[in-house]
Amino acid sequence: MKGIVTIVFLWLLAWAAACGQPRAEAGGDATAMGQGTIEETLRAHTDRLMAIPGVVGTAQGLCEGKPCIKVFVTKKRPALLRQIPATLHGYPIAVEESGEFRAF
């Protein structure tokens, strides 16, 4: 399962870069909020988020010019959205409907 999560995560990062989505740089204190960097927060919580039925990926991105965590779901449904927190360690979460991801 971790291999699939890693592939999805890397695919999302490549997709975000290809779409011109700016991302916070890894390893810098500029992304630090709350308890750790956004990268640490994402690593710590991706497995838990991916365990929610309907969640197909996570990534870091920018929301209104600030670092945020993006959670990709097959379809936005009220029951699913209630299971996803609004923030993690001070970073806002943006839920995006993406449909299913398929390996090429």
PDB file of N, CA and C in Angstrom:
ATOM      1  N   MET A   1       0.816  -1.190   0.000  1.00  0.00           N
ATOM      2  CA  MET A   1       0.000   0.000   0.000  1.00  0.00           C
ATOM      3  C   MET A   1       0.864   1.261   0.000  1.00  0.00           C
ATOM      4  N   LYS A   2       1.997   1.229   0.761  1.00  0.00           N
ATOM      5  CA  LYS A   2       2.849   2.413   0.819  1.00  0.00           C
ATOM      6  C   LYS A   2       3.440   2.741  -0.548  1.00  0.00           C
ATOM      7  N   GLY A   3       3.726   1.690  -1.354  1.00  0.00           N
ATOM      8  CA  GLY A   3       4.258   1.921  -2.690  1.00  0.00           C
ATOM      9  C   GLY A   3       3.260   2.662  -3.559  1.00  0.00           C
ATOM     10  N   ILE A   4       2.001   2.289  -3.455  1.00  0.00           N
ATOM     11  CA  ILE A   4       0.948   2.970  -4.221  1.00  0.00           C
ATOM     12  C   ILE A   4       0.806   4.406  -3.758  1.00  0.00           C
ATOM     13  N   VAL A   5       0.832   4.620  -2.431  1.00  0.00           N
ATOM     14  CA  VAL A   5       0.728   5.971  -1.886  1.00  0.00           C
ATOM     15  C   VAL A   5       1.884   6.823  -2.386  1.00  0.00           C
ATOM     16  N   THR A   6       3.088   6.260  -2.389  1.00  0.00           N
ATOM     17  CA  THR A   6       4.261   6.997  -2.863  1.00  0.00           C
ATOM     18  C   THR A   6       4.116   7.351  -4.337  1.00  0.00           C
ATOM     19  N   ILE A   7       3.670   6.410  -5.144  1.00  0.00           N
ATOM     20  CA  ILE A   7       3.483   6.669  -6.580  1.00  0.00           C
ATOM     21  C   ILE A   7       2.447   7.759  -6.798  1.00  0.00           C
ATOM     22  N   VAL A   8       1.332   7.672  -6.077  1.00  0.00           N
ATOM     23  CA  VAL A   8       0.280   8.691  -6.220  1.00  0.00           C
ATOM     24  C   VAL A   8       0.809  10.043  -5.790  1.00  0.00           C
ATOM     25  N   PHE A   9       1.530  10.089  -4.669  1.00  0.00           N
ATOM     26  CA  PHE A   9       2.069  11.352  -4.178  1.00  0.00           C
ATOM     27  C   PHE A   9       3.036  11.967  -5.196  1.00  0.00           C
ATOM     28  N   LEU A  10       3.948  11.158  -5.727  1.00  0.00           N
ATOM     29  CA  LEU A  10       4.902  11.672  -6.706  1.00  0.00           C
ATOM     30  C   LEU A  10       4.197  12.113  -7.982  1.00  0.00           C
ATOM     31  N   TRP A  11       3.187  11.358  -8.402  1.00  0.00           N
ATOM     32  CA  TRP A  11       2.425  11.742  -9.594  1.00  0.00           C
ATOM     33  C   TRP A  11       1.732  13.072  -9.360  1.00  0.00           C
ATOM     34  N   LEU A  12       1.160  13.264  -8.163  1.00  0.00           N
ATOM     35  CA  LEU A  12       0.482  14.530  -7.862  1.00  0.00           C
ATOM     36  C   LEU A  12       1.461  15.701  -7.872  1.00  0.00           C
ATOM     37  N   LEU A  13       2.647  15.490  -7.334  1.00  0.00           N
ATOM     38  CA  LEU A  13       3.643  16.563  -7.353  1.00  0.00           C
ATOM     39  C   LEU A  13       4.031  16.927  -8.782  1.00  0.00           C
ATOM     40  N   ALA A  14       4.228  15.910  -9.629  1.00  0.00           N
ATOM     41  CA  ALA A  14       4.559  16.178 -11.030  1.00  0.00           C
ATOM     42  C   ALA A  14       3.398  16.877 -11.730  1.00  0.00           C
ATOM     43  N   TRP A  15       2.183  16.427 -11.447  1.00  0.00           N
ATOM     44  CA  TRP A  15       0.990  17.037 -12.051  1.00  0.00           C
ATOM     45  C   TRP A  15       0.874  18.506 -11.640  1.00  0.00           C
ATOM     46  N   ALA A  16       1.088  18.786 -10.353  1.00  0.00           N
ATOM     47  CA  ALA A  16       0.998  20.165  -9.878  1.00  0.00           C
ATOM     48  C   ALA A  16       2.052  21.044 -10.540  1.00  0.00           C
ATOM     49  N   ALA A  17       3.263  20.509 -10.705  1.00  0.00           N
ATOM     50  CA  ALA A  17       4.329  21.282 -11.352  1.00  0.00           C
ATOM     51  C   ALA A  17       3.998  21.535 -12.812  1.00  0.00           C
ATOM     52  N   ALA A  18       3.462  20.534 -13.487  1.00  0.00           N
ATOM     53  CA  ALA A  18       3.116  20.680 -14.899  1.00  0.00           C
ATOM     54  C   ALA A  18       1.992  21.682 -15.103  1.00  0.00           C
ATOM     55  N   CYS A  19       1.126  21.801 -14.121  1.00  0.00           N
ATOM     56  CA  CYS A  19      -0.005  22.727 -14.219  1.00  0.00           C
ATOM     57  C   CYS A  19       0.370  24.120 -13.740  1.00  0.00           C
ATOM     58  N   GLY A  20       1.617  24.308 -13.375  1.00  0.00           N
ATOM     59  CA  GLY A  20       2.052  25.626 -12.932  1.00  0.00           C
ATOM     60  C   GLY A  20       1.674  25.943 -11.501  1.00  0.00           C
ATOM     61  N   GLN A  21       1.306  24.920 -10.724  1.00  0.00           N
ATOM     62  CA  GLN A  21       0.966  25.133  -9.328  1.00  0.00           C
ATOM     63  C   GLN A  21       2.250  25.414  -8.553  1.00  0.00           C
ATOM     64  N   PRO A  22       2.391  26.602  -7.968  1.00  0.00           N
ATOM     65  CA  PRO A  22       3.582  26.849  -7.161  1.00  0.00           C
ATOM     66  C   PRO A  22       3.520  26.035  -5.881  1.00  0.00           C
ATOM     67  N   ARG A  23       4.677  25.526  -5.446  1.00  0.00           N
ATOM     68  CA  ARG A  23       4.749  24.752  -4.217  1.00  0.00           C
ATOM     69  C   ARG A  23       5.814  25.373  -3.329  1.00  0.00           C
ATOM     70  N   ALA A  24       5.614  25.216  -2.022  1.00  0.00           N
ATOM     71  CA  ALA A  24       6.627  25.659  -1.074  1.00  0.00           C
ATOM     72  C   ALA A  24       7.857  24.781  -1.240  1.00  0.00           C
ATOM     73  N   GLU A  25       9.041  25.370  -1.099  1.00  0.00           N
ATOM     74  CA  GLU A  25      10.267  24.600  -1.264  1.00  0.00           C
ATOM     75  C   GLU A  25      10.485  23.711  -0.056  1.00  0.00           C
ATOM     76  N   ALA A  26      10.968  22.514  -0.293  1.00  0.00           N
ATOM     77  CA  ALA A  26      11.219  21.562   0.786  1.00  0.00           C
ATOM     78  C   ALA A  26      12.409  22.008   1.615  1.00  0.00           C
ATOM     79  N   GLY A  27      12.316  21.731   2.903  1.00  0.00           N
ATOM     80  CA  GLY A  27      13.454  21.914   3.788  1.00  0.00           C
ATOM     81  C   GLY A  27      13.662  23.316   4.314  1.00  0.00           C
ATOM     82  N   GLY A  28      12.889  24.286   3.923  1.00  0.00           N
ATOM     83  CA  GLY A  28      13.099  25.642   4.391  1.00  0.00           C
ATOM     84  C   GLY A  28      12.221  25.976   5.579  1.00  0.00           C
ATOM     85  N   ASP A  29      12.676  26.885   6.424  1.00  0.00           N
ATOM     86  CA  ASP A  29      11.872  27.323   7.561  1.00  0.00           C
ATOM     87  C   ASP A  29      10.694  28.171   7.126  1.00  0.00           C
ATOM     88  N   ALA A  30      10.686  28.635   5.878  1.00  0.00           N
ATOM     89  CA  ALA A  30       9.596  29.473   5.398  1.00  0.00           C
ATOM     90  C   ALA A  30       8.272  28.733   5.390  1.00  0.00           C
ATOM     91  N   THR A  31       8.298  27.387   5.361  1.00  0.00           N
ATOM     92  CA  THR A  31       7.056  26.617   5.350  1.00  0.00           C
ATOM     93  C   THR A  31       6.642  26.184   6.755  1.00  0.00           C
ATOM     94  N   ALA A  32       7.411  26.546   7.779  1.00  0.00           N
ATOM     95  CA  ALA A  32       7.103  26.085   9.123  1.00  0.00           C
ATOM     96  C   ALA A  32       5.888  26.804   9.692  1.00  0.00           C
ATOM     97  N   MET A  33       4.943  26.025  10.211  1.00  0.00           N
ATOM     98  CA  MET A  33       3.771  26.527  10.918  1.00  0.00           C
ATOM     99  C   MET A  33       3.482  25.506  12.007  1.00  0.00           C
ATOM    100  N   GLY A  34       2.824  25.907  13.034  1.00  0.00           N
ATOM    101  CA  GLY A  34       2.359  24.946  14.026  1.00  0.00           C
ATOM    102  C   GLY A  34       3.461  24.004  14.464  1.00  0.00           C
ATOM    103  N   GLN A  35       3.266  22.709  14.272  1.00  0.00           N
ATOM    104  CA  GLN A  35       4.202  21.694  14.734  1.00  0.00           C
ATOM    105  C   GLN A  35       4.954  21.078  13.577  1.00  0.00           C
ATOM    106  N   GLY A  36       5.957  21.732  13.058  1.00  0.00           N
ATOM    107  CA  GLY A  36       6.770  21.168  11.992  1.00  0.00           C
ATOM    108  C   GLY A  36       6.467  21.780  10.637  1.00  0.00           C
ATOM    109  N   THR A  37       7.252  21.368   9.666  1.00  0.00           N
ATOM    110  CA  THR A  37       7.078  21.885   8.313  1.00  0.00           C
ATOM    111  C   THR A  37       5.881  21.207   7.650  1.00  0.00           C
ATOM    112  N   ILE A  38       5.450  21.764   6.555  1.00  0.00           N
ATOM    113  CA  ILE A  38       4.336  21.166   5.829  1.00  0.00           C
ATOM    114  C   ILE A  38       4.718  19.776   5.317  1.00  0.00           C
ATOM    115  N   GLU A  39       5.976  19.587   4.938  1.00  0.00           N
ATOM    116  CA  GLU A  39       6.427  18.276   4.475  1.00  0.00           C
ATOM    117  C   GLU A  39       6.309  17.239   5.590  1.00  0.00           C
ATOM    118  N   GLU A  40       6.741  17.608   6.805  1.00  0.00           N
ATOM    119  CA  GLU A  40       6.643  16.699   7.947  1.00  0.00           C
ATOM    120  C   GLU A  40       5.184  16.393   8.278  1.00  0.00           C
ATOM    121  N   THR A  41       4.356  17.409   8.232  1.00  0.00           N
ATOM    122  CA  THR A  41       2.930  17.233   8.521  1.00  0.00           C
ATOM    123  C   THR A  41       2.294  16.304   7.499  1.00  0.00           C
ATOM    124  N   LEU A  42       2.609  16.503   6.224  1.00  0.00           N
ATOM    125  CA  LEU A  42       2.055  15.659   5.166  1.00  0.00           C
ATOM    126  C   LEU A  42       2.515  14.206   5.333  1.00  0.00           C
ATOM    127  N   ARG A  43       3.808  14.010   5.617  1.00  0.00           N
ATOM    128  CA  ARG A  43       4.321  12.647   5.835  1.00  0.00           C
ATOM    129  C   ARG A  43       3.625  11.976   7.023  1.00  0.00           C
ATOM    130  N   ALA A  44       3.399  12.734   8.075  1.00  0.00           N
ATOM    131  CA  ALA A  44       2.811  12.177   9.291  1.00  0.00           C
ATOM    132  C   ALA A  44       1.336  11.809   9.127  1.00  0.00           C
ATOM    133  N   HIS A  45       0.630  12.473   8.218  1.00  0.00           N
ATOM    134  CA  HIS A  45      -0.820  12.293   8.136  1.00  0.00           C
ATOM    135  C   HIS A  45      -1.329  11.687   6.830  1.00  0.00           C
ATOM    136  N   THR A  46      -0.476  11.493   5.844  1.00  0.00           N
ATOM    137  CA  THR A  46      -0.941  10.966   4.556  1.00  0.00           C
ATOM    138  C   THR A  46      -1.581   9.585   4.692  1.00  0.00           C
ATOM    139  N   ASP A  47      -0.979   8.689   5.456  1.00  0.00           N
ATOM    140  CA  ASP A  47      -1.562   7.348   5.596  1.00  0.00           C
ATOM    141  C   ASP A  47      -2.965   7.412   6.192  1.00  0.00           C
ATOM    142  N   ARG A  48      -3.145   8.257   7.197  1.00  0.00           N
ATOM    143  CA  ARG A  48      -4.462   8.385   7.828  1.00  0.00           C
ATOM    144  C   ARG A  48      -5.471   8.979   6.852  1.00  0.00           C
ATOM    145  N   LEU A  49      -5.070   9.988   6.093  1.00  0.00           N
ATOM    146  CA  LEU A  49      -5.981  10.594   5.112  1.00  0.00           C
ATOM    147  C   LEU A  49      -6.309   9.598   3.999  1.00  0.00           C
ATOM    148  N   MET A  50      -5.305   8.853   3.533  1.00  0.00           N
ATOM    149  CA  MET A  50      -5.521   7.893   2.456  1.00  0.00           C
ATOM    150  C   MET A  50      -6.403   6.726   2.895  1.00  0.00           C
ATOM    151  N   ALA A  51      -6.513   6.497   4.199  1.00  0.00           N
ATOM    152  CA  ALA A  51      -7.361   5.416   4.704  1.00  0.00           C
ATOM    153  C   ALA A  51      -8.848   5.780   4.654  1.00  0.00           C
ATOM    154  N   ILE A  52      -9.160   7.041   4.423  1.00  0.00           N
ATOM    155  CA  ILE A  52     -10.560   7.472   4.326  1.00  0.00           C
ATOM    156  C   ILE A  52     -11.082   7.050   2.957  1.00  0.00           C
ATOM    157  N   PRO A  53     -12.147   6.249   2.905  1.00  0.00           N
ATOM    158  CA  PRO A  53     -12.695   5.831   1.612  1.00  0.00           C
ATOM    159  C   PRO A  53     -13.087   7.045   0.754  1.00  0.00           C
ATOM    160  N   GLY A  54     -12.602   7.066  -0.473  1.00  0.00           N
ATOM    161  CA  GLY A  54     -12.874   8.183  -1.375  1.00  0.00           C
ATOM    162  C   GLY A  54     -11.700   9.128  -1.544  1.00  0.00           C
ATOM    163  N   VAL A  55     -10.699   9.057  -0.642  1.00  0.00           N
ATOM    164  CA  VAL A  55      -9.495   9.878  -0.768  1.00  0.00           C
ATOM    165  C   VAL A  55      -8.522   9.117  -1.647  1.00  0.00           C
ATOM    166  N   VAL A  56      -8.013   9.792  -2.704  1.00  0.00           N
ATOM    167  CA  VAL A  56      -7.117   9.123  -3.646  1.00  0.00           C
ATOM    168  C   VAL A  56      -5.719   9.724  -3.689  1.00  0.00           C
ATOM    169  N   GLY A  57      -5.481  10.804  -2.970  1.00  0.00           N
ATOM    170  CA  GLY A  57      -4.146  11.377  -2.971  1.00  0.00           C
ATOM    171  C   GLY A  57      -4.030  12.585  -2.078  1.00  0.00           C
ATOM    172  N   THR A  58      -2.777  12.926  -1.746  1.00  0.00           N
ATOM    173  CA  THR A  58      -2.477  14.129  -0.977  1.00  0.00           C
ATOM    174  C   THR A  58      -1.266  14.808  -1.609  1.00  0.00           C
ATOM    175  N   ALA A  59      -1.164  16.094  -1.386  1.00  0.00           N
ATOM    176  CA  ALA A  59      -0.016  16.844  -1.894  1.00  0.00           C
ATOM    177  C   ALA A  59       0.070  18.157  -1.130  1.00  0.00           C
ATOM    178  N   GLN A  60       1.176  18.835  -1.296  1.00  0.00           N
ATOM    179  CA  GLN A  60       1.262  20.184  -0.749  1.00  0.00           C
ATOM    180  C   GLN A  60       1.097  21.168  -1.891  1.00  0.00           C
ATOM    181  N   GLY A  61       0.557  22.312  -1.579  1.00  0.00           N
ATOM    182  CA  GLY A  61       0.345  23.334  -2.595  1.00  0.00           C
ATOM    183  C   GLY A  61       0.231  24.696  -1.959  1.00  0.00           C
ATOM    184  N   LEU A  62      -0.299  25.635  -2.712  1.00  0.00           N
ATOM    185  CA  LEU A  62      -0.544  26.975  -2.203  1.00  0.00           C
ATOM    186  C   LEU A  62      -2.037  27.262  -2.287  1.00  0.00           C
ATOM    187  N   CYS A  63      -2.572  27.805  -1.226  1.00  0.00           N
ATOM    188  CA  CYS A  63      -3.963  28.240  -1.174  1.00  0.00           C
ATOM    189  C   CYS A  63      -3.946  29.702  -0.761  1.00  0.00           C
ATOM    190  N   GLU A  64      -4.411  30.556  -1.644  1.00  0.00           N
ATOM    191  CA  GLU A  64      -4.387  32.003  -1.400  1.00  0.00           C
ATOM    192  C   GLU A  64      -2.979  32.482  -1.061  1.00  0.00           C
ATOM    193  N   GLY A  65      -1.985  31.914  -1.753  1.00  0.00           N
ATOM    194  CA  GLY A  65      -0.597  32.324  -1.595  1.00  0.00           C
ATOM    195  C   GLY A  65       0.115  31.767  -0.378  1.00  0.00           C
ATOM    196  N   LYS A  66      -0.542  30.881   0.388  1.00  0.00           N
ATOM    197  CA  LYS A  66       0.076  30.309   1.588  1.00  0.00           C
ATOM    198  C   LYS A  66       0.133  28.793   1.456  1.00  0.00           C
ATOM    199  N   PRO A  67       1.131  28.159   2.120  1.00  0.00           N
ATOM    200  CA  PRO A  67       1.229  26.700   2.053  1.00  0.00           C
ATOM    201  C   PRO A  67      -0.047  26.036   2.575  1.00  0.00           C
ATOM    202  N   CYS A  68      -0.477  24.997   1.866  1.00  0.00           N
ATOM    203  CA  CYS A  68      -1.645  24.237   2.308  1.00  0.00           C
ATOM    204  C   CYS A  68      -1.458  22.783   1.908  1.00  0.00           C
ATOM    205  N   ILE A  69      -2.315  21.947   2.463  1.00  0.00           N
ATOM    206  CA  ILE A  69      -2.329  20.526   2.129  1.00  0.00           C
ATOM    207  C   ILE A  69      -3.524  20.291   1.233  1.00  0.00           C
ATOM    208  N   LYS A  70      -3.291  19.647   0.094  1.00  0.00           N
ATOM    209  CA  LYS A  70      -4.378  19.326  -0.823  1.00  0.00           C
ATOM    210  C   LYS A  70      -4.729  17.852  -0.660  1.00  0.00           C
ATOM    211  N   VAL A  71      -6.008  17.593  -0.531  1.00  0.00           N
ATOM    212  CA  VAL A  71      -6.508  16.227  -0.432  1.00  0.00           C
ATOM    213  C   VAL A  71      -7.387  15.998  -1.652  1.00  0.00           C
ATOM    214  N   PHE A  72      -7.021  15.006  -2.460  1.00  0.00           N
ATOM    215  CA  PHE A  72      -7.754  14.698  -3.679  1.00  0.00           C
ATOM    216  C   PHE A  72      -8.745  13.574  -3.403  1.00  0.00           C
ATOM    217  N   VAL A  73      -9.991  13.781  -3.833  1.00  0.00           N
ATOM    218  CA  VAL A  73     -11.049  12.798  -3.606  1.00  0.00           C
ATOM    219  C   VAL A  73     -11.694  12.432  -4.935  1.00  0.00           C
ATOM    220  N   THR A  74     -12.302  11.230  -4.966  1.00  0.00           N
ATOM    221  CA  THR A  74     -12.964  10.786  -6.193  1.00  0.00           C
ATOM    222  C   THR A  74     -14.165  11.677  -6.495  1.00  0.00           C
ATOM    223  N   LYS A  75     -14.945  11.998  -5.484  1.00  0.00           N
ATOM    224  CA  LYS A  75     -16.116  12.859  -5.643  1.00  0.00           C
ATOM    225  C   LYS A  75     -16.378  13.534  -4.303  1.00  0.00           C
ATOM    226  N   LYS A  76     -16.607  14.847  -4.330  1.00  0.00           N
ATOM    227  CA  LYS A  76     -16.923  15.567  -3.102  1.00  0.00           C
ATOM    228  C   LYS A  76     -18.343  15.193  -2.666  1.00  0.00           C
ATOM    229  N   ARG A  77     -18.412  14.573  -1.515  1.00  0.00           N
ATOM    230  CA  ARG A  77     -19.700  14.199  -0.927  1.00  0.00           C
ATOM    231  C   ARG A  77     -19.694  14.684   0.516  1.00  0.00           C
ATOM    232  N   PRO A  78     -20.835  15.139   1.021  1.00  0.00           N
ATOM    233  CA  PRO A  78     -20.874  15.659   2.399  1.00  0.00           C
ATOM    234  C   PRO A  78     -20.313  14.684   3.437  1.00  0.00           C
ATOM    235  N   ALA A  79     -20.665  13.404   3.346  1.00  0.00           N
ATOM    236  CA  ALA A  79     -20.168  12.429   4.325  1.00  0.00           C
ATOM    237  C   ALA A  79     -18.653  12.311   4.263  1.00  0.00           C
ATOM    238  N   LEU A  80     -18.083  12.376   3.076  1.00  0.00           N
ATOM    239  CA  LEU A  80     -16.631  12.304   2.911  1.00  0.00           C
ATOM    240  C   LEU A  80     -15.973  13.573   3.438  1.00  0.00           C
ATOM    241  N   LEU A  81     -16.516  14.718   3.102  1.00  0.00           N
ATOM    242  CA  LEU A  81     -15.930  15.992   3.527  1.00  0.00           C
ATOM    243  C   LEU A  81     -15.922  16.131   5.044  1.00  0.00           C
ATOM    244  N   ARG A  82     -16.899  15.546   5.729  1.00  0.00           N
ATOM    245  CA  ARG A  82     -16.941  15.607   7.199  1.00  0.00           C
ATOM    246  C   ARG A  82     -15.789  14.820   7.832  1.00  0.00           C
ATOM    247  N   GLN A  83     -15.230  13.870   7.122  1.00  0.00           N
ATOM    248  CA  GLN A  83     -14.145  13.046   7.662  1.00  0.00           C
ATOM    249  C   GLN A  83     -12.771  13.690   7.492  1.00  0.00           C
ATOM    250  N   ILE A  84     -12.688  14.714   6.669  1.00  0.00           N
ATOM    251  CA  ILE A  84     -11.410  15.363   6.380  1.00  0.00           C
ATOM    252  C   ILE A  84     -11.325  16.638   7.219  1.00  0.00           C
ATOM    253  N   PRO A  85     -10.268  16.765   8.036  1.00  0.00           N
ATOM    254  CA  PRO A  85     -10.160  17.965   8.884  1.00  0.00           C
ATOM    255  C   PRO A  85      -9.952  19.228   8.049  1.00  0.00           C
ATOM    256  N   ALA A  86     -10.308  20.352   8.614  1.00  0.00           N
ATOM    257  CA  ALA A  86     -10.127  21.638   7.933  1.00  0.00           C
ATOM    258  C   ALA A  86      -8.668  22.079   7.943  1.00  0.00           C
ATOM    259  N   THR A  87      -7.930  21.664   8.980  1.00  0.00           N
ATOM    260  CA  THR A  87      -6.509  22.018   9.107  1.00  0.00           C
ATOM    261  C   THR A  87      -5.754  20.855   9.733  1.00  0.00           C
ATOM    262  N   LEU A  88      -4.445  20.835   9.502  1.00  0.00           N
ATOM    263  CA  LEU A  88      -3.529  19.924  10.174  1.00  0.00           C
ATOM    264  C   LEU A  88      -2.318  20.727  10.611  1.00  0.00           C
ATOM    265  N   HIS A  89      -2.058  20.762  11.905  1.00  0.00           N
ATOM    266  CA  HIS A  89      -0.902  21.476  12.462  1.00  0.00           C
ATOM    267  C   HIS A  89      -0.848  22.925  11.978  1.00  0.00           C
ATOM    268  N   GLY A  90      -2.001  23.519  11.796  1.00  0.00           N
ATOM    269  CA  GLY A  90      -2.056  24.918  11.381  1.00  0.00           C
ATOM    270  C   GLY A  90      -2.094  25.132   9.879  1.00  0.00           C
ATOM    271  N   TYR A  91      -1.917  24.091   9.085  1.00  0.00           N
ATOM    272  CA  TYR A  91      -1.975  24.209   7.629  1.00  0.00           C
ATOM    273  C   TYR A  91      -3.403  23.949   7.163  1.00  0.00           C
ATOM    274  N   PRO A  92      -3.960  24.854   6.356  1.00  0.00           N
ATOM    275  CA  PRO A  92      -5.318  24.619   5.847  1.00  0.00           C
ATOM    276  C   PRO A  92      -5.325  23.448   4.869  1.00  0.00           C
ATOM    277  N   ILE A  93      -6.468  22.767   4.806  1.00  0.00           N
ATOM    278  CA  ILE A  93      -6.635  21.663   3.863  1.00  0.00           C
ATOM    279  C   ILE A  93      -7.621  22.091   2.790  1.00  0.00           C
ATOM    280  N   ALA A  94      -7.235  21.902   1.536  1.00  0.00           N
ATOM    281  CA  ALA A  94      -8.107  22.151   0.387  1.00  0.00           C
ATOM    282  C   ALA A  94      -8.471  20.791  -0.202  1.00  0.00           C
ATOM    283  N   VAL A  95      -9.766  20.528  -0.325  1.00  0.00           N
ATOM    284  CA  VAL A  95     -10.229  19.263  -0.899  1.00  0.00           C
ATOM    285  C   VAL A  95     -10.556  19.513  -2.366  1.00  0.00           C
ATOM    286  N   GLU A  96      -9.967  18.693  -3.240  1.00  0.00           N
ATOM    287  CA  GLU A  96     -10.191  18.835  -4.677  1.00  0.00           C
ATOM    288  C   GLU A  96     -10.727  17.536  -5.247  1.00  0.00           C
ATOM    289  N   GLU A  97     -11.780  17.648  -6.049  1.00  0.00           N
ATOM    290  CA  GLU A  97     -12.359  16.479  -6.712  1.00  0.00           C
ATOM    291  C   GLU A  97     -11.529  16.155  -7.940  1.00  0.00           C
ATOM    292  N   SER A  98     -10.997  14.928  -7.978  1.00  0.00           N
ATOM    293  CA  SER A  98     -10.107  14.545  -9.074  1.00  0.00           C
ATOM    294  C   SER A  98     -10.577  13.303  -9.822  1.00  0.00           C
ATOM    295  N   GLY A  99     -11.515  12.558  -9.257  1.00  0.00           N
ATOM    296  CA  GLY A  99     -11.849  11.270  -9.826  1.00  0.00           C
ATOM    297  C   GLY A  99     -10.792  10.263  -9.419  1.00  0.00           C
ATOM    298  N   GLU A 100     -10.863   9.069  -9.981  1.00  0.00           N
ATOM    299  CA  GLU A 100      -9.882   8.018  -9.682  1.00  0.00           C
ATOM    300  C   GLU A 100      -8.575   8.299 -10.404  1.00  0.00           C
ATOM    301  N   PHE A 101      -7.457   7.936  -9.768  1.00  0.00           N
ATOM    302  CA  PHE A 101      -6.151   7.985 -10.414  1.00  0.00           C
ATOM    303  C   PHE A 101      -5.879   6.594 -10.964  1.00  0.00           C
ATOM    304  N   ARG A 102      -5.299   6.535 -12.144  1.00  0.00           N
ATOM    305  CA  ARG A 102      -4.956   5.255 -12.750  1.00  0.00           C
ATOM    306  C   ARG A 102      -3.488   5.282 -13.182  1.00  0.00           C
ATOM    307  N   ALA A 103      -2.802   4.186 -12.940  1.00  0.00           N
ATOM    308  CA  ALA A 103      -1.408   4.081 -13.372  1.00  0.00           C
ATOM    309  C   ALA A 103      -1.368   3.904 -14.890  1.00  0.00           C
ATOM    310  N   PHE A 104      -0.372   4.503 -15.512  1.00  0.00           N
ATOM    311  CA  PHE A 104      -0.213   4.372 -16.958  1.00  0.00           C
ATOM    312  C   PHE A 104       0.749   3.272 -17.283  1.00  0.00           C
TER     313      PHE A 104
END
